[in-house]
Amino acid sequence: MTPSHGLRRSLDEDDAVACSVSSATTMALELAEPLPVRFHKGAPTLARRVYFTADRPAEAAEVIRGAIRGEARP
């Protein structure tokens, strides 16, 4: 969806960021409230969408659901 690797701005969306390392499945997380994201270079942005990759998408979705419920992960 967004070329390159690591944390970066989405090319086509001002309010989206992407973060990938290596994986086969790209996922999109639509946020209820914008999240401030700071980059190593350049100004921060308010992201409403986060695109990321996951080796195990079902596990990634469960981690996100747990975070929404306020559960901590070891």
PDB file of N, CA and C in Angstrom:
ATOM      1  N   MET A   1       0.810  -1.195   0.000  1.00  0.00           N
ATOM      2  CA  MET A   1       0.000   0.000   0.000  1.00  0.00           C
ATOM      3  C   MET A   1       0.859   1.267   0.000  1.00  0.00           C
ATOM      4  N   THR A   2       1.912   1.273   0.836  1.00  0.00           N
ATOM      5  CA  THR A   2       2.808   2.422   0.902  1.00  0.00           C
ATOM      6  C   THR A   2       4.226   1.907   0.730  1.00  0.00           C
ATOM      7  N   PRO A   3       4.882   2.259  -0.374  1.00  0.00           N
ATOM      8  CA  PRO A   3       6.205   1.708  -0.635  1.00  0.00           C
ATOM      9  C   PRO A   3       7.235   2.078   0.433  1.00  0.00           C
ATOM     10  N   SER A   4       8.255   1.277   0.556  1.00  0.00           N
ATOM     11  CA  SER A   4       9.390   1.451   1.463  1.00  0.00           C
ATOM     12  C   SER A   4       9.184   0.667   2.751  1.00  0.00           C
ATOM     13  N   HIS A   5      10.071   0.878   3.735  1.00  0.00           N
ATOM     14  CA  HIS A   5      10.024   0.156   5.002  1.00  0.00           C
ATOM     15  C   HIS A   5      10.204   1.126   6.152  1.00  0.00           C
ATOM     16  N   GLY A   6       9.848   0.685   7.360  1.00  0.00           N
ATOM     17  CA  GLY A   6       9.977   1.523   8.547  1.00  0.00           C
ATOM     18  C   GLY A   6       8.825   2.508   8.675  1.00  0.00           C
ATOM     19  N   LEU A   7       8.853   3.333   9.695  1.00  0.00           N
ATOM     20  CA  LEU A   7       7.817   4.323   9.935  1.00  0.00           C
ATOM     21  C   LEU A   7       7.940   5.450   8.922  1.00  0.00           C
ATOM     22  N   ARG A   8       6.838   5.772   8.249  1.00  0.00           N
ATOM     23  CA  ARG A   8       6.866   6.803   7.215  1.00  0.00           C
ATOM     24  C   ARG A   8       5.476   7.366   6.978  1.00  0.00           C
ATOM     25  N   ARG A   9       5.414   8.498   6.347  1.00  0.00           N
ATOM     26  CA  ARG A   9       4.135   9.099   5.974  1.00  0.00           C
ATOM     27  C   ARG A   9       3.555   8.329   4.794  1.00  0.00           C
ATOM     28  N   SER A  10       2.233   8.267   4.735  1.00  0.00           N
ATOM     29  CA  SER A  10       1.574   7.687   3.579  1.00  0.00           C
ATOM     30  C   SER A  10       1.657   8.700   2.439  1.00  0.00           C
ATOM     31  N   LEU A  11       1.975   8.246   1.242  1.00  0.00           N
ATOM     32  CA  LEU A  11       2.163   9.159   0.123  1.00  0.00           C
ATOM     33  C   LEU A  11       0.866   9.824  -0.330  1.00  0.00           C
ATOM     34  N   ASP A  12      -0.242   9.111  -0.263  1.00  0.00           N
ATOM     35  CA  ASP A  12      -1.502   9.615  -0.812  1.00  0.00           C
ATOM     36  C   ASP A  12      -2.466  10.169   0.231  1.00  0.00           C
ATOM     37  N   GLU A  13      -2.131  10.072   1.527  1.00  0.00           N
ATOM     38  CA  GLU A  13      -3.042  10.499   2.579  1.00  0.00           C
ATOM     39  C   GLU A  13      -2.286  11.340   3.610  1.00  0.00           C
ATOM     40  N   ASP A  14      -2.741  12.563   3.828  1.00  0.00           N
ATOM     41  CA  ASP A  14      -2.081  13.438   4.791  1.00  0.00           C
ATOM     42  C   ASP A  14      -2.252  12.960   6.222  1.00  0.00           C
ATOM     43  N   ASP A  15      -3.316  12.207   6.505  1.00  0.00           N
ATOM     44  CA  ASP A  15      -3.600  11.787   7.883  1.00  0.00           C
ATOM     45  C   ASP A  15      -3.379  10.296   8.088  1.00  0.00           C
ATOM     46  N   ALA A  16      -2.375   9.746   7.390  1.00  0.00           N
ATOM     47  CA  ALA A  16      -2.075   8.318   7.528  1.00  0.00           C
ATOM     48  C   ALA A  16      -0.571   8.114   7.581  1.00  0.00           C
ATOM     49  N   VAL A  17      -0.168   7.085   8.315  1.00  0.00           N
ATOM     50  CA  VAL A  17       1.234   6.692   8.377  1.00  0.00           C
ATOM     51  C   VAL A  17       1.332   5.203   8.089  1.00  0.00           C
ATOM     52  N   ALA A  18       2.514   4.754   7.773  1.00  0.00           N
ATOM     53  CA  ALA A  18       2.751   3.337   7.515  1.00  0.00           C
ATOM     54  C   ALA A  18       3.992   2.905   8.270  1.00  0.00           C
ATOM     55  N   CYS A  19       4.000   1.651   8.688  1.00  0.00           N
ATOM     56  CA  CYS A  19       5.164   1.091   9.357  1.00  0.00           C
ATOM     57  C   CYS A  19       5.258  -0.382   9.000  1.00  0.00           C
ATOM     58  N   SER A  20       6.322  -0.744   8.326  1.00  0.00           N
ATOM     59  CA  SER A  20       6.507  -2.150   7.973  1.00  0.00           C
ATOM     60  C   SER A  20       7.979  -2.485   8.045  1.00  0.00           C
ATOM     61  N   VAL A  21       8.237  -3.731   8.344  1.00  0.00           N
ATOM     62  CA  VAL A  21       9.601  -4.220   8.392  1.00  0.00           C
ATOM     63  C   VAL A  21       9.737  -5.284   7.308  1.00  0.00           C
ATOM     64  N   SER A  22       9.036  -6.379   7.485  1.00  0.00           N
ATOM     65  CA  SER A  22       8.933  -7.403   6.447  1.00  0.00           C
ATOM     66  C   SER A  22       7.794  -8.317   6.821  1.00  0.00           C
ATOM     67  N   SER A  23       6.975  -8.636   5.874  1.00  0.00           N
ATOM     68  CA  SER A  23       5.837  -9.501   6.127  1.00  0.00           C
ATOM     69  C   SER A  23       5.031  -9.669   4.853  1.00  0.00           C
ATOM     70  N   ALA A  24       4.062 -10.554   4.898  1.00  0.00           N
ATOM     71  CA  ALA A  24       3.256 -10.833   3.724  1.00  0.00           C
ATOM     72  C   ALA A  24       1.887 -10.173   3.768  1.00  0.00           C
ATOM     73  N   THR A  25       1.392  -9.818   4.955  1.00  0.00           N
ATOM     74  CA  THR A  25       0.032  -9.296   5.073  1.00  0.00           C
ATOM     75  C   THR A  25       0.049  -7.840   5.515  1.00  0.00           C
ATOM     76  N   THR A  26      -0.556  -6.980   4.717  1.00  0.00           N
ATOM     77  CA  THR A  26      -0.678  -5.572   5.067  1.00  0.00           C
ATOM     78  C   THR A  26      -2.036  -5.353   5.711  1.00  0.00           C
ATOM     79  N   MET A  27      -2.042  -4.622   6.824  1.00  0.00           N
ATOM     80  CA  MET A  27      -3.280  -4.360   7.557  1.00  0.00           C
ATOM     81  C   MET A  27      -3.448  -2.850   7.684  1.00  0.00           C
ATOM     82  N   ALA A  28      -4.689  -2.410   7.847  1.00  0.00           N
ATOM     83  CA  ALA A  28      -4.987  -0.991   8.047  1.00  0.00           C
ATOM     84  C   ALA A  28      -5.787  -0.849   9.329  1.00  0.00           C
ATOM     85  N   LEU A  29      -5.366   0.085  10.174  1.00  0.00           N
ATOM     86  CA  LEU A  29      -6.042   0.351  11.437  1.00  0.00           C
ATOM     87  C   LEU A  29      -6.630   1.752  11.364  1.00  0.00           C
ATOM     88  N   GLU A  30      -7.947   1.849  11.374  1.00  0.00           N
ATOM     89  CA  GLU A  30      -8.650   3.133  11.350  1.00  0.00           C
ATOM     90  C   GLU A  30      -8.854   3.555  12.801  1.00  0.00           C
ATOM     91  N   LEU A  31      -8.358   4.741  13.161  1.00  0.00           N
ATOM     92  CA  LEU A  31      -8.399   5.210  14.543  1.00  0.00           C
ATOM     93  C   LEU A  31      -9.632   6.073  14.794  1.00  0.00           C
ATOM     94  N   ALA A  32     -10.244   5.927  15.974  1.00  0.00           N
ATOM     95  CA  ALA A  32     -11.394   6.753  16.344  1.00  0.00           C
ATOM     96  C   ALA A  32     -10.950   8.192  16.583  1.00  0.00           C
ATOM     97  N   GLU A  33      -9.782   8.374  17.157  1.00  0.00           N
ATOM     98  CA  GLU A  33      -9.200   9.691  17.420  1.00  0.00           C
ATOM     99  C   GLU A  33      -7.830   9.752  16.763  1.00  0.00           C
ATOM    100  N   PRO A  34      -7.449  10.896  16.233  1.00  0.00           N
ATOM    101  CA  PRO A  34      -6.117  10.990  15.624  1.00  0.00           C
ATOM    102  C   PRO A  34      -5.008  10.745  16.644  1.00  0.00           C
ATOM    103  N   LEU A  35      -3.950  10.122  16.186  1.00  0.00           N
ATOM    104  CA  LEU A  35      -2.802   9.795  17.024  1.00  0.00           C
ATOM    105  C   LEU A  35      -1.604  10.632  16.568  1.00  0.00           C
ATOM    106  N   PRO A  36      -0.987  11.407  17.489  1.00  0.00           N
ATOM    107  CA  PRO A  36       0.203  12.159  17.060  1.00  0.00           C
ATOM    108  C   PRO A  36       1.377  11.206  16.817  1.00  0.00           C
ATOM    109  N   VAL A  37       2.013  11.342  15.676  1.00  0.00           N
ATOM    110  CA  VAL A  37       3.149  10.492  15.306  1.00  0.00           C
ATOM    111  C   VAL A  37       4.338  11.395  15.023  1.00  0.00           C
ATOM    112  N   ARG A  38       5.444  11.107  15.697  1.00  0.00           N
ATOM    113  CA  ARG A  38       6.681  11.868  15.501  1.00  0.00           C
ATOM    114  C   ARG A  38       7.650  11.020  14.678  1.00  0.00           C
ATOM    115  N   PHE A  39       8.284  11.654  13.732  1.00  0.00           N
ATOM    116  CA  PHE A  39       9.256  10.999  12.868  1.00  0.00           C
ATOM    117  C   PHE A  39      10.663  11.443  13.268  1.00  0.00           C
ATOM    118  N   HIS A  40      11.680  10.697  12.846  1.00  0.00           N
ATOM    119  CA  HIS A  40      13.065  11.096  13.113  1.00  0.00           C
ATOM    120  C   HIS A  40      13.381  12.421  12.433  1.00  0.00           C
ATOM    121  N   LYS A  41      12.800  12.618  11.247  1.00  0.00           N
ATOM    122  CA  LYS A  41      13.016  13.851  10.491  1.00  0.00           C
ATOM    123  C   LYS A  41      11.656  14.428  10.112  1.00  0.00           C
ATOM    124  N   GLY A  42      11.568  15.717  10.097  1.00  0.00           N
ATOM    125  CA  GLY A  42      10.340  16.381   9.665  1.00  0.00           C
ATOM    126  C   GLY A  42       9.372  16.604  10.811  1.00  0.00           C
ATOM    127  N   ALA A  43       8.318  17.293  10.485  1.00  0.00           N
ATOM    128  CA  ALA A  43       7.306  17.649  11.475  1.00  0.00           C
ATOM    129  C   ALA A  43       6.433  16.451  11.828  1.00  0.00           C
ATOM    130  N   PRO A  44       5.878  16.421  13.054  1.00  0.00           N
ATOM    131  CA  PRO A  44       4.946  15.351  13.417  1.00  0.00           C
ATOM    132  C   PRO A  44       3.652  15.475  12.608  1.00  0.00           C
ATOM    133  N   THR A  45       2.848  14.434  12.638  1.00  0.00           N
ATOM    134  CA  THR A  45       1.563  14.448  11.952  1.00  0.00           C
ATOM    135  C   THR A  45       0.511  13.820  12.851  1.00  0.00           C
ATOM    136  N   LEU A  46      -0.752  14.156  12.622  1.00  0.00           N
ATOM    137  CA  LEU A  46      -1.866  13.496  13.313  1.00  0.00           C
ATOM    138  C   LEU A  46      -2.396  12.418  12.388  1.00  0.00           C
ATOM    139  N   ALA A  47      -2.268  11.173  12.780  1.00  0.00           N
ATOM    140  CA  ALA A  47      -2.673  10.051  11.930  1.00  0.00           C
ATOM    141  C   ALA A  47      -4.048   9.535  12.328  1.00  0.00           C
ATOM    142  N   ARG A  48      -4.906   9.341  11.346  1.00  0.00           N
ATOM    143  CA  ARG A  48      -6.202   8.703  11.553  1.00  0.00           C
ATOM    144  C   ARG A  48      -6.179   7.251  11.088  1.00  0.00           C
ATOM    145  N   ARG A  49      -5.168   6.901  10.275  1.00  0.00           N
ATOM    146  CA  ARG A  49      -4.999   5.540   9.795  1.00  0.00           C
ATOM    147  C   ARG A  49      -3.545   5.129   9.950  1.00  0.00           C
ATOM    148  N   VAL A  50      -3.347   3.869  10.314  1.00  0.00           N
ATOM    149  CA  VAL A  50      -2.006   3.301  10.406  1.00  0.00           C
ATOM    150  C   VAL A  50      -1.994   2.038   9.556  1.00  0.00           C
ATOM    151  N   TYR A  51      -1.127   2.006   8.563  1.00  0.00           N
ATOM    152  CA  TYR A  51      -0.950   0.821   7.742  1.00  0.00           C
ATOM    153  C   TYR A  51       0.288   0.100   8.252  1.00  0.00           C
ATOM    154  N   PHE A  52       0.175  -1.202   8.446  1.00  0.00           N
ATOM    155  CA  PHE A  52       1.321  -1.962   8.953  1.00  0.00           C
ATOM    156  C   PHE A  52       1.272  -3.366   8.406  1.00  0.00           C
ATOM    157  N   THR A  53       2.365  -4.093   8.594  1.00  0.00           N
ATOM    158  CA  THR A  53       2.422  -5.475   8.128  1.00  0.00           C
ATOM    159  C   THR A  53       2.506  -6.403   9.329  1.00  0.00           C
ATOM    160  N   ALA A  54       2.004  -7.606   9.137  1.00  0.00           N
ATOM    161  CA  ALA A  54       2.021  -8.598  10.210  1.00  0.00           C
ATOM    162  C   ALA A  54       2.249  -9.983   9.610  1.00  0.00           C
ATOM    163  N   ASP A  55       3.125 -10.739  10.268  1.00  0.00           N
ATOM    164  CA  ASP A  55       3.341 -12.127   9.848  1.00  0.00           C
ATOM    165  C   ASP A  55       2.145 -12.987  10.235  1.00  0.00           C
ATOM    166  N   ARG A  56       1.513 -12.652  11.369  1.00  0.00           N
ATOM    167  CA  ARG A  56       0.349 -13.410  11.849  1.00  0.00           C
ATOM    168  C   ARG A  56      -0.799 -12.412  12.083  1.00  0.00           C
ATOM    169  N   PRO A  57      -1.595 -12.118  11.042  1.00  0.00           N
ATOM    170  CA  PRO A  57      -2.636 -11.096  11.133  1.00  0.00           C
ATOM    171  C   PRO A  57      -3.659 -11.340  12.241  1.00  0.00           C
ATOM    172  N   ALA A  58      -4.052 -12.574  12.468  1.00  0.00           N
ATOM    173  CA  ALA A  58      -5.038 -12.859  13.524  1.00  0.00           C
ATOM    174  C   ALA A  58      -4.470 -12.490  14.896  1.00  0.00           C
ATOM    175  N   GLU A  59      -3.200 -12.792  15.123  1.00  0.00           N
ATOM    176  CA  GLU A  59      -2.566 -12.442  16.393  1.00  0.00           C
ATOM    177  C   GLU A  59      -2.430 -10.922  16.526  1.00  0.00           C
ATOM    178  N   ALA A  60      -2.084 -10.256  15.441  1.00  0.00           N
ATOM    179  CA  ALA A  60      -1.987  -8.797  15.470  1.00  0.00           C
ATOM    180  C   ALA A  60      -3.336  -8.175  15.809  1.00  0.00           C
ATOM    181  N   ALA A  61      -4.399  -8.687  15.213  1.00  0.00           N
ATOM    182  CA  ALA A  61      -5.744  -8.170  15.502  1.00  0.00           C
ATOM    183  C   ALA A  61      -6.104  -8.400  16.965  1.00  0.00           C
ATOM    184  N   GLU A  62      -5.726  -9.526  17.524  1.00  0.00           N
ATOM    185  CA  GLU A  62      -6.017  -9.806  18.931  1.00  0.00           C
ATOM    186  C   GLU A  62      -5.243  -8.861  19.853  1.00  0.00           C
ATOM    187  N   VAL A  63      -4.000  -8.562  19.514  1.00  0.00           N
ATOM    188  CA  VAL A  63      -3.202  -7.615  20.303  1.00  0.00           C
ATOM    189  C   VAL A  63      -3.875  -6.237  20.278  1.00  0.00           C
ATOM    190  N   ILE A  64      -4.347  -5.827  19.125  1.00  0.00           N
ATOM    191  CA  ILE A  64      -5.025  -4.529  19.005  1.00  0.00           C
ATOM    192  C   ILE A  64      -6.315  -4.526  19.814  1.00  0.00           C
ATOM    193  N   ARG A  65      -7.100  -5.594  19.707  1.00  0.00           N
ATOM    194  CA  ARG A  65      -8.343  -5.681  20.514  1.00  0.00           C
ATOM    195  C   ARG A  65      -8.026  -5.632  22.010  1.00  0.00           C
ATOM    196  N   GLY A  66      -6.975  -6.309  22.446  1.00  0.00           N
ATOM    197  CA  GLY A  66      -6.572  -6.285  23.854  1.00  0.00           C
ATOM    198  C   GLY A  66      -6.172  -4.883  24.296  1.00  0.00           C
ATOM    199  N   ALA A  67      -5.461  -4.172  23.438  1.00  0.00           N
ATOM    200  CA  ALA A  67      -5.055  -2.797  23.752  1.00  0.00           C
ATOM    201  C   ALA A  67      -6.286  -1.904  23.895  1.00  0.00           C
ATOM    202  N   ILE A  68      -7.273  -2.102  23.055  1.00  0.00           N
ATOM    203  CA  ILE A  68      -8.509  -1.319  23.143  1.00  0.00           C
ATOM    204  C   ILE A  68      -9.218  -1.602  24.457  1.00  0.00           C
ATOM    205  N   ARG A  69      -9.173  -2.850  24.893  1.00  0.00           N
ATOM    206  CA  ARG A  69      -9.814  -3.232  26.168  1.00  0.00           C
ATOM    207  C   ARG A  69      -8.961  -2.841  27.366  1.00  0.00           C
ATOM    208  N   GLY A  70      -7.746  -2.364  27.128  1.00  0.00           N
ATOM    209  CA  GLY A  70      -6.862  -1.944  28.208  1.00  0.00           C
ATOM    210  C   GLY A  70      -6.036  -3.064  28.806  1.00  0.00           C
ATOM    211  N   GLU A  71      -5.917  -4.174  28.099  1.00  0.00           N
ATOM    212  CA  GLU A  71      -5.125  -5.301  28.588  1.00  0.00           C
ATOM    213  C   GLU A  71      -3.651  -5.079  28.311  1.00  0.00           C
ATOM    214  N   ALA A  72      -2.825  -5.423  29.254  1.00  0.00           N
ATOM    215  CA  ALA A  72      -1.371  -5.313  29.065  1.00  0.00           C
ATOM    216  C   ALA A  72      -0.840  -6.605  28.459  1.00  0.00           C
ATOM    217  N   ARG A  73       0.246  -6.483  27.676  1.00  0.00           N
ATOM    218  CA  ARG A  73       0.922  -7.659  27.132  1.00  0.00           C
ATOM    219  C   ARG A  73       2.282  -7.788  27.753  1.00  0.00           C
ATOM    220  N   PRO A  74       2.698  -9.031  28.031  1.00  0.00           N
ATOM    221  CA  PRO A  74       4.033  -9.217  28.621  1.00  0.00           C
ATOM    222  C   PRO A  74       5.146  -8.796  27.675  1.00  0.00           C
TER     223      PRO A  74
END
